[in-house]
Amino acid sequence: MKESTNGKDWKNRAQKIYEASKKSIGVRKVQKSAKIKLRMLLEEIEFLTSQIEELEKEMEKLVEETEEGEYIKSVPGIGAIMTAIILGEVGDIKR
């Protein structure tokens, strides 16, 4: 999950926010609804992260199936995702 979220630990950050909210003035009355909302947001982040991971795997697979993709990916610093972006922008290199 950290790779897809650029190294951000969303669960840890959300937990810190939740813990800080326990000490906030006037939050006790709405604490239950805030906890529910926070849980729902975390579930949404997890769902979107899994979709991103699935798309990245499919992109990597498609890049490996093309000669052009393997050639572009051989450039240092260019991985499967950047290769897919390049191929998507350029289209058919042979044209």
N, C-alpha and C. Protein backbone atom coordinates (compact mmCIF):
# COMPACT_ATOMS: atom_id res chain seq x y z
N MET A 1 0.82 -1.19 0.00
CA MET A 1 0.00 0.00 0.00
C MET A 1 0.86 1.26 0.00
N LYS A 2 1.98 1.25 0.69
CA LYS A 2 2.81 2.43 0.76
C LYS A 2 3.34 2.83 -0.61
N GLU A 3 3.65 1.85 -1.48
CA GLU A 3 4.16 2.18 -2.80
C GLU A 3 3.13 2.96 -3.61
N SER A 4 1.89 2.55 -3.55
CA SER A 4 0.84 3.20 -4.31
C SER A 4 0.44 4.55 -3.74
N THR A 5 0.70 4.78 -2.47
CA THR A 5 0.33 6.05 -1.85
C THR A 5 1.56 6.92 -1.64
N ASN A 6 2.55 6.71 -2.46
CA ASN A 6 3.78 7.50 -2.40
C ASN A 6 4.41 7.48 -1.01
N GLY A 7 4.37 6.34 -0.36
CA GLY A 7 5.02 6.18 0.93
C GLY A 7 4.25 6.72 2.12
N LYS A 8 3.07 7.22 1.91
CA LYS A 8 2.30 7.79 3.01
C LYS A 8 1.57 6.68 3.76
N ASP A 9 1.66 6.72 5.05
CA ASP A 9 1.00 5.73 5.90
C ASP A 9 -0.33 6.31 6.36
N TRP A 10 -1.37 6.13 5.53
CA TRP A 10 -2.67 6.75 5.78
C TRP A 10 -3.31 6.26 7.06
N LYS A 11 -3.17 4.98 7.36
CA LYS A 11 -3.79 4.46 8.58
C LYS A 11 -3.19 5.11 9.81
N ASN A 12 -1.88 5.22 9.83
CA ASN A 12 -1.20 5.82 10.97
C ASN A 12 -1.58 7.29 11.12
N ARG A 13 -1.63 8.01 10.02
CA ARG A 13 -2.00 9.42 10.05
C ARG A 13 -3.44 9.59 10.54
N ALA A 14 -4.34 8.77 10.05
CA ALA A 14 -5.74 8.85 10.46
C ALA A 14 -5.88 8.52 11.95
N GLN A 15 -5.13 7.55 12.42
CA GLN A 15 -5.18 7.18 13.84
C GLN A 15 -4.71 8.34 14.70
N LYS A 16 -3.66 9.04 14.28
CA LYS A 16 -3.17 10.21 15.03
C LYS A 16 -4.22 11.31 15.08
N ILE A 17 -4.89 11.54 13.96
CA ILE A 17 -5.95 12.55 13.92
C ILE A 17 -7.08 12.16 14.87
N TYR A 18 -7.45 10.90 14.83
CA TYR A 18 -8.51 10.42 15.70
C TYR A 18 -8.14 10.58 17.17
N GLU A 19 -6.92 10.22 17.52
CA GLU A 19 -6.48 10.34 18.92
C GLU A 19 -6.45 11.81 19.34
N ALA A 20 -6.02 12.70 18.48
CA ALA A 20 -6.00 14.12 18.79
C ALA A 20 -7.42 14.66 18.96
N SER A 21 -8.35 14.12 18.18
CA SER A 21 -9.73 14.60 18.27
C SER A 21 -10.38 14.25 19.60
N LYS A 22 -9.90 13.22 20.27
CA LYS A 22 -10.44 12.83 21.57
C LYS A 22 -10.20 13.93 22.61
N LYS A 23 -9.15 14.70 22.41
CA LYS A 23 -8.78 15.74 23.38
C LYS A 23 -9.32 17.11 22.99
N SER A 24 -9.98 17.20 21.86
CA SER A 24 -10.49 18.48 21.39
C SER A 24 -11.74 18.89 22.17
N ILE A 25 -11.92 20.18 22.31
CA ILE A 25 -13.09 20.72 23.01
C ILE A 25 -14.34 20.54 22.17
N GLY A 26 -15.41 20.06 22.76
CA GLY A 26 -16.69 19.94 22.08
C GLY A 26 -16.82 18.76 21.13
N VAL A 27 -15.82 17.93 21.07
CA VAL A 27 -15.86 16.81 20.12
C VAL A 27 -16.53 15.59 20.72
N ARG A 28 -16.59 15.51 22.00
CA ARG A 28 -17.13 14.31 22.65
C ARG A 28 -18.53 13.95 22.16
N LYS A 29 -19.36 14.95 21.90
CA LYS A 29 -20.74 14.68 21.47
C LYS A 29 -20.79 14.13 20.06
N VAL A 30 -19.85 14.51 19.24
CA VAL A 30 -19.88 14.05 17.85
C VAL A 30 -18.79 13.00 17.59
N GLN A 31 -18.17 12.55 18.64
CA GLN A 31 -17.06 11.61 18.50
C GLN A 31 -17.47 10.33 17.78
N LYS A 32 -18.66 9.82 18.07
CA LYS A 32 -19.10 8.58 17.44
C LYS A 32 -19.25 8.77 15.94
N SER A 33 -19.89 9.85 15.51
CA SER A 33 -20.06 10.08 14.08
C SER A 33 -18.72 10.35 13.40
N ALA A 34 -17.82 11.03 14.10
CA ALA A 34 -16.49 11.29 13.53
C ALA A 34 -15.73 9.98 13.36
N LYS A 35 -15.88 9.10 14.32
CA LYS A 35 -15.22 7.79 14.25
C LYS A 35 -15.76 6.98 13.06
N ILE A 36 -17.06 7.02 12.87
CA ILE A 36 -17.68 6.31 11.74
C ILE A 36 -17.18 6.89 10.41
N LYS A 37 -17.17 8.22 10.33
CA LYS A 37 -16.70 8.88 9.10
C LYS A 37 -15.24 8.54 8.83
N LEU A 38 -14.43 8.57 9.85
CA LEU A 38 -13.01 8.25 9.70
C LEU A 38 -12.84 6.81 9.24
N ARG A 39 -13.61 5.89 9.82
CA ARG A 39 -13.54 4.48 9.40
C ARG A 39 -13.93 4.34 7.94
N MET A 40 -14.97 5.06 7.53
CA MET A 40 -15.43 4.99 6.14
C MET A 40 -14.36 5.55 5.19
N LEU A 41 -13.72 6.63 5.59
CA LEU A 41 -12.66 7.20 4.76
C LEU A 41 -11.47 6.25 4.64
N LEU A 42 -11.13 5.59 5.73
CA LEU A 42 -10.04 4.61 5.69
C LEU A 42 -10.39 3.45 4.76
N GLU A 43 -11.63 2.98 4.83
CA GLU A 43 -12.06 1.90 3.94
C GLU A 43 -12.00 2.35 2.48
N GLU A 44 -12.38 3.59 2.23
CA GLU A 44 -12.33 4.12 0.86
C GLU A 44 -10.88 4.20 0.37
N ILE A 45 -9.98 4.67 1.23
CA ILE A 45 -8.57 4.73 0.86
C ILE A 45 -8.03 3.34 0.55
N GLU A 46 -8.37 2.37 1.38
CA GLU A 46 -7.92 0.99 1.15
C GLU A 46 -8.46 0.45 -0.17
N PHE A 47 -9.74 0.73 -0.46
CA PHE A 47 -10.35 0.28 -1.71
C PHE A 47 -9.66 0.91 -2.92
N LEU A 48 -9.48 2.23 -2.87
CA LEU A 48 -8.84 2.92 -3.99
C LEU A 48 -7.39 2.48 -4.16
N THR A 49 -6.70 2.24 -3.06
CA THR A 49 -5.33 1.76 -3.13
C THR A 49 -5.26 0.39 -3.80
N SER A 50 -6.20 -0.48 -3.47
CA SER A 50 -6.21 -1.81 -4.10
C SER A 50 -6.51 -1.70 -5.59
N GLN A 51 -7.37 -0.76 -5.97
CA GLN A 51 -7.64 -0.56 -7.40
C GLN A 51 -6.40 -0.04 -8.12
N ILE A 52 -5.69 0.88 -7.50
CA ILE A 52 -4.45 1.41 -8.09
C ILE A 52 -3.44 0.29 -8.27
N GLU A 53 -3.28 -0.54 -7.24
CA GLU A 53 -2.34 -1.66 -7.32
C GLU A 53 -2.72 -2.62 -8.45
N GLU A 54 -4.01 -2.89 -8.59
CA GLU A 54 -4.48 -3.78 -9.65
C GLU A 54 -4.20 -3.19 -11.03
N LEU A 55 -4.45 -1.89 -11.19
CA LEU A 55 -4.16 -1.23 -12.46
C LEU A 55 -2.68 -1.22 -12.77
N GLU A 56 -1.85 -0.98 -11.75
CA GLU A 56 -0.41 -0.98 -11.97
C GLU A 56 0.09 -2.35 -12.42
N LYS A 57 -0.44 -3.41 -11.82
CA LYS A 57 -0.06 -4.77 -12.22
C LYS A 57 -0.45 -5.04 -13.67
N GLU A 58 -1.66 -4.61 -14.04
CA GLU A 58 -2.13 -4.81 -15.42
C GLU A 58 -1.27 -4.00 -16.40
N MET A 59 -0.91 -2.79 -16.02
CA MET A 59 -0.05 -1.96 -16.87
C MET A 59 1.31 -2.63 -17.07
N GLU A 60 1.88 -3.14 -15.98
CA GLU A 60 3.16 -3.83 -16.07
C GLU A 60 3.07 -5.03 -17.00
N LYS A 61 2.00 -5.78 -16.88
CA LYS A 61 1.78 -6.96 -17.72
C LYS A 61 1.69 -6.57 -19.19
N LEU A 62 0.94 -5.53 -19.48
CA LEU A 62 0.78 -5.08 -20.87
C LEU A 62 2.09 -4.55 -21.45
N VAL A 63 2.86 -3.84 -20.63
CA VAL A 63 4.15 -3.32 -21.09
C VAL A 63 5.09 -4.46 -21.46
N GLU A 64 5.08 -5.51 -20.65
CA GLU A 64 5.96 -6.65 -20.90
C GLU A 64 5.59 -7.41 -22.17
N GLU A 65 4.36 -7.23 -22.63
CA GLU A 65 3.91 -7.93 -23.83
C GLU A 65 4.32 -7.23 -25.12
N THR A 66 4.87 -6.04 -25.01
CA THR A 66 5.25 -5.30 -26.22
C THR A 66 6.76 -5.15 -26.32
N GLU A 67 7.25 -5.22 -27.53
CA GLU A 67 8.68 -5.04 -27.79
C GLU A 67 9.09 -3.60 -27.44
N GLU A 68 8.24 -2.66 -27.83
CA GLU A 68 8.53 -1.25 -27.56
C GLU A 68 8.60 -0.98 -26.06
N GLY A 69 7.68 -1.62 -25.34
CA GLY A 69 7.64 -1.44 -23.89
C GLY A 69 8.90 -1.90 -23.22
N GLU A 70 9.39 -3.05 -23.62
CA GLU A 70 10.62 -3.57 -23.04
C GLU A 70 11.81 -2.68 -23.40
N TYR A 71 11.80 -2.14 -24.60
CA TYR A 71 12.88 -1.24 -25.04
C TYR A 71 12.87 0.04 -24.21
N ILE A 72 11.72 0.66 -24.06
CA ILE A 72 11.61 1.90 -23.28
C ILE A 72 11.96 1.64 -21.82
N LYS A 73 11.49 0.54 -21.29
CA LYS A 73 11.73 0.20 -19.89
C LYS A 73 13.21 -0.06 -19.61
N SER A 74 13.98 -0.34 -20.64
CA SER A 74 15.41 -0.60 -20.45
C SER A 74 16.20 0.67 -20.14
N VAL A 75 15.59 1.83 -20.35
CA VAL A 75 16.24 3.10 -20.02
C VAL A 75 16.30 3.23 -18.50
N PRO A 76 17.48 3.52 -17.95
CA PRO A 76 17.59 3.65 -16.49
C PRO A 76 16.63 4.71 -15.94
N GLY A 77 15.93 4.37 -14.88
CA GLY A 77 15.01 5.30 -14.24
C GLY A 77 13.59 5.24 -14.77
N ILE A 78 13.36 4.50 -15.83
CA ILE A 78 12.01 4.38 -16.39
C ILE A 78 11.50 2.98 -16.09
N GLY A 79 10.43 2.94 -15.31
CA GLY A 79 9.83 1.66 -14.94
C GLY A 79 8.62 1.36 -15.80
N ALA A 80 7.89 0.36 -15.39
CA ALA A 80 6.74 -0.11 -16.15
C ALA A 80 5.64 0.94 -16.24
N ILE A 81 5.40 1.66 -15.15
CA ILE A 81 4.32 2.65 -15.14
C ILE A 81 4.66 3.81 -16.07
N MET A 82 5.88 4.34 -15.98
CA MET A 82 6.28 5.44 -16.86
C MET A 82 6.30 4.97 -18.32
N THR A 83 6.70 3.75 -18.55
CA THR A 83 6.69 3.19 -19.91
C THR A 83 5.27 3.16 -20.44
N ALA A 84 4.33 2.73 -19.63
CA ALA A 84 2.92 2.68 -20.05
C ALA A 84 2.42 4.09 -20.37
N ILE A 85 2.83 5.06 -19.58
CA ILE A 85 2.43 6.45 -19.84
C ILE A 85 2.99 6.92 -21.17
N ILE A 86 4.26 6.64 -21.41
CA ILE A 86 4.90 7.04 -22.67
C ILE A 86 4.20 6.38 -23.86
N LEU A 87 3.98 5.09 -23.76
CA LEU A 87 3.31 4.38 -24.86
C LEU A 87 1.89 4.89 -25.07
N GLY A 88 1.22 5.23 -23.99
CA GLY A 88 -0.13 5.76 -24.09
C GLY A 88 -0.16 7.11 -24.79
N GLU A 89 0.83 7.93 -24.53
CA GLU A 89 0.90 9.25 -25.16
C GLU A 89 1.35 9.17 -26.61
N VAL A 90 2.35 8.35 -26.88
CA VAL A 90 2.93 8.25 -28.22
C VAL A 90 2.05 7.43 -29.14
N GLY A 91 1.48 6.37 -28.62
CA GLY A 91 0.71 5.47 -29.46
C GLY A 91 1.63 4.49 -30.16
N ASP A 92 1.31 4.16 -31.38
CA ASP A 92 2.11 3.21 -32.15
C ASP A 92 3.40 3.88 -32.59
N ILE A 93 4.51 3.41 -32.03
CA ILE A 93 5.83 4.00 -32.33
C ILE A 93 6.21 3.77 -33.78
N LYS A 94 5.73 2.70 -34.39
CA LYS A 94 6.12 2.34 -35.76
C LYS A 94 5.44 3.20 -36.83
N ARG A 95 4.50 4.03 -36.44
CA ARG A 95 3.78 4.82 -37.46
C ARG A 95 4.56 5.98 -37.94
